[in-house]
Protein backbone atom coordinates (compact mmCIF):
# COMPACT_ATOMS: atom_id res chain seq x y z
CA MET A 1 172.49 47.60 81.16
CA ILE A 2 172.76 43.86 81.61
CA THR A 3 169.53 42.03 82.31
CA SER A 4 168.35 38.46 82.84
CA SER A 5 164.97 37.01 83.92
CA ILE A 6 163.47 33.66 84.80
CA GLU A 7 160.01 32.46 85.78
CA ILE A 8 159.92 30.45 88.99
CA ALA A 9 156.96 28.21 89.87
CA ALA A 10 156.74 29.52 93.43
CA PRO A 11 155.04 32.57 94.94
CA PRO A 12 157.05 35.79 95.31
CA ALA A 13 157.11 35.60 99.12
CA LYS A 14 158.83 32.20 98.97
CA VAL A 15 161.33 33.35 96.35
CA ARG A 16 162.12 36.48 98.40
CA GLU A 17 162.56 34.40 101.57
CA ILE A 18 165.07 32.11 99.81
CA PHE A 19 166.84 35.03 98.13
CA LEU A 20 167.23 36.97 101.41
CA ASN A 21 168.53 33.93 103.30
CA PHE A 22 172.09 34.89 102.38
CA SER A 23 173.73 32.43 104.78
CA ALA A 24 172.07 29.48 102.99
CA TYR A 25 173.53 30.34 99.55
CA PRO A 26 176.30 27.69 99.83
CA GLU A 27 173.55 25.03 100.08
CA TRP A 28 172.17 25.82 96.63
CA HIS A 29 174.51 28.21 94.78
CA THR A 30 178.28 27.74 94.85
CA GLU A 31 179.40 29.68 91.82
CA TRP A 32 179.28 33.38 90.95
CA LEU A 33 177.61 35.04 93.97
CA LYS A 34 179.63 33.46 96.75
CA GLU A 35 178.43 35.43 99.76
CA ILE A 36 176.44 38.35 101.04
CA LYS A 37 176.74 39.32 104.69
CA THR A 38 174.93 42.04 106.53
CA GLN A 39 176.83 44.37 108.80
CA ASP A 40 175.85 45.21 112.37
CA GLY A 41 174.04 41.87 112.78
CA LYS A 42 170.93 43.02 110.91
CA ALA A 43 168.65 40.41 109.40
CA PRO A 44 168.56 40.71 105.59
CA GLN A 45 164.82 41.47 105.59
CA ASP A 46 165.49 44.41 107.93
CA LEU A 47 168.06 46.11 105.71
CA VAL A 48 167.17 49.65 104.68
CA SER A 49 168.57 52.20 102.28
CA GLY A 50 172.05 53.25 103.40
CA ASP A 51 172.90 49.98 105.18
CA LYS A 52 176.14 48.32 104.12
CA ILE A 53 176.57 44.70 103.05
CA ASP A 54 179.70 42.68 102.38
CA VAL A 55 179.55 41.02 98.97
CA ASN A 56 181.79 38.33 97.49
CA ILE A 57 181.37 37.79 93.75
CA GLU A 58 183.87 35.31 92.29
CA SER A 59 186.35 36.08 95.11
CA PHE A 60 186.07 39.83 94.44
CA LYS A 61 185.03 41.21 97.81
CA PHE A 62 183.52 44.64 98.28
CA VAL A 63 181.19 46.66 100.47
CA ALA A 64 177.97 47.75 98.79
CA GLU A 65 175.31 50.17 99.93
CA VAL A 66 171.74 48.90 100.04
CA LYS A 67 169.49 51.20 98.04
CA GLU A 68 166.14 49.45 98.34
CA ASN A 69 164.69 46.42 100.13
CA THR A 70 161.00 45.91 99.44
CA GLU A 71 158.71 43.00 98.65
CA THR A 72 159.50 43.45 94.94
CA LEU A 73 163.05 44.84 94.84
CA PHE A 74 166.42 44.41 96.52
CA SER A 75 169.18 46.66 95.20
CA TRP A 76 172.67 47.82 96.02
CA GLN A 77 175.23 50.29 94.72
CA GLY A 78 178.71 48.85 94.40
CA PRO A 79 181.94 50.84 94.64
CA PRO A 80 183.73 52.07 91.52
CA VAL A 81 186.19 49.56 90.07
CA PHE A 82 188.47 50.81 87.29
CA THR A 83 186.13 53.83 86.94
CA ILE A 84 183.06 51.56 86.54
CA ALA A 85 180.31 51.60 89.18
CA GLY A 86 177.43 49.14 89.16
CA TYR A 87 173.89 49.53 90.44
CA HIS A 88 172.59 45.99 90.95
CA LYS A 89 168.89 45.14 91.22
CA PHE A 90 167.02 41.94 92.01
CA HIS A 91 163.35 42.22 91.01
CA ILE A 92 160.77 39.80 92.47
CA GLU A 93 157.50 40.25 90.58
CA PRO A 94 154.31 38.17 90.85
CA ALA A 95 153.05 36.26 87.81
CA ASN A 96 150.06 33.98 87.18
CA ASP A 97 147.98 35.64 89.90
CA GLY A 98 150.81 35.25 92.41
CA ALA A 99 151.31 31.51 91.85
CA SER A 100 154.71 32.11 90.29
CA THR A 101 157.43 34.75 90.20
CA ILE A 102 159.39 36.58 87.55
CA PHE A 103 162.88 37.03 89.03
CA THR A 104 165.02 39.58 87.18
CA GLN A 105 168.55 40.81 87.77
CA THR A 106 169.85 44.00 86.26
CA GLU A 107 173.22 45.68 86.44
CA ASP A 108 173.35 49.32 85.38
CA LEU A 109 176.97 50.27 84.82
CA LYS A 110 178.23 53.85 84.77
CA GLY A 111 181.65 55.37 84.29
CA LEU A 112 184.34 56.09 81.78
CA LEU A 113 184.98 52.43 80.85
CA ALA A 114 181.43 51.11 81.32
CA PHE A 115 181.10 50.44 77.58
CA ILE A 116 183.41 47.41 77.89
CA MET A 117 180.74 45.73 80.03
CA SER A 118 178.08 46.05 77.33
CA PRO A 119 176.07 42.86 76.59
CA SER A 120 178.06 42.36 73.40
CA LEU A 121 181.46 42.53 75.13
CA LEU A 122 182.40 41.52 78.70
CA GLY A 123 178.75 41.78 79.76
CA LYS A 124 178.11 38.36 78.16
CA LYS A 125 179.95 36.68 81.02
CA MET A 126 178.00 38.66 83.61
CA ARG A 127 174.71 37.71 81.96
CA ALA A 128 175.76 34.04 82.00
CA HIS A 129 176.41 34.33 85.76
CA PHE A 130 172.98 35.90 86.29
CA ASP A 131 171.41 33.00 84.36
CA GLU A 132 173.30 30.47 86.47
CA PHE A 133 172.17 32.11 89.72
CA HIS A 134 168.58 32.14 88.43
CA ARG A 135 168.64 28.42 87.55
CA ASP A 136 169.91 27.59 91.04
CA LEU A 137 167.33 29.86 92.72
CA LYS A 138 164.55 28.33 90.61
CA ALA A 139 165.62 24.79 91.54
CA ARG A 140 165.71 25.71 95.24
CA ALA A 141 162.33 27.49 95.22
CA GLU A 142 160.60 24.74 93.25
CA GLN A 143 161.81 21.94 95.55
CA ALA A 144 159.01 19.99 97.24
């Protein structure tokens, strides 16, 4: 599993609102996670388990299935790629009595070749991308 966390000096509701505003990503994050689009015109906050989303990560486009969309967790299951399937989670947890947020991303990889994505191998690059996304989200949430 690949994991990365950051503390953001903003309440969880604000962090979740920014995170779920997929169409605004180009305003504050232009690298790794290029785009998330809902299908069927659903608002991101209305997505439920089983809904499909279009994801573009570093120009690799795929359709993922939403697994959970709650106040504290947004997750999707990606399709298998070279026998590796990823279950991606974005955790939004309150800290400091709700004055700040611990934002955590995890990627649980399964499949025959999943070992090559371990944190000591190719997973290092993925972790660096998570960290970059977190820094950008933190900067956006902590703005004025």
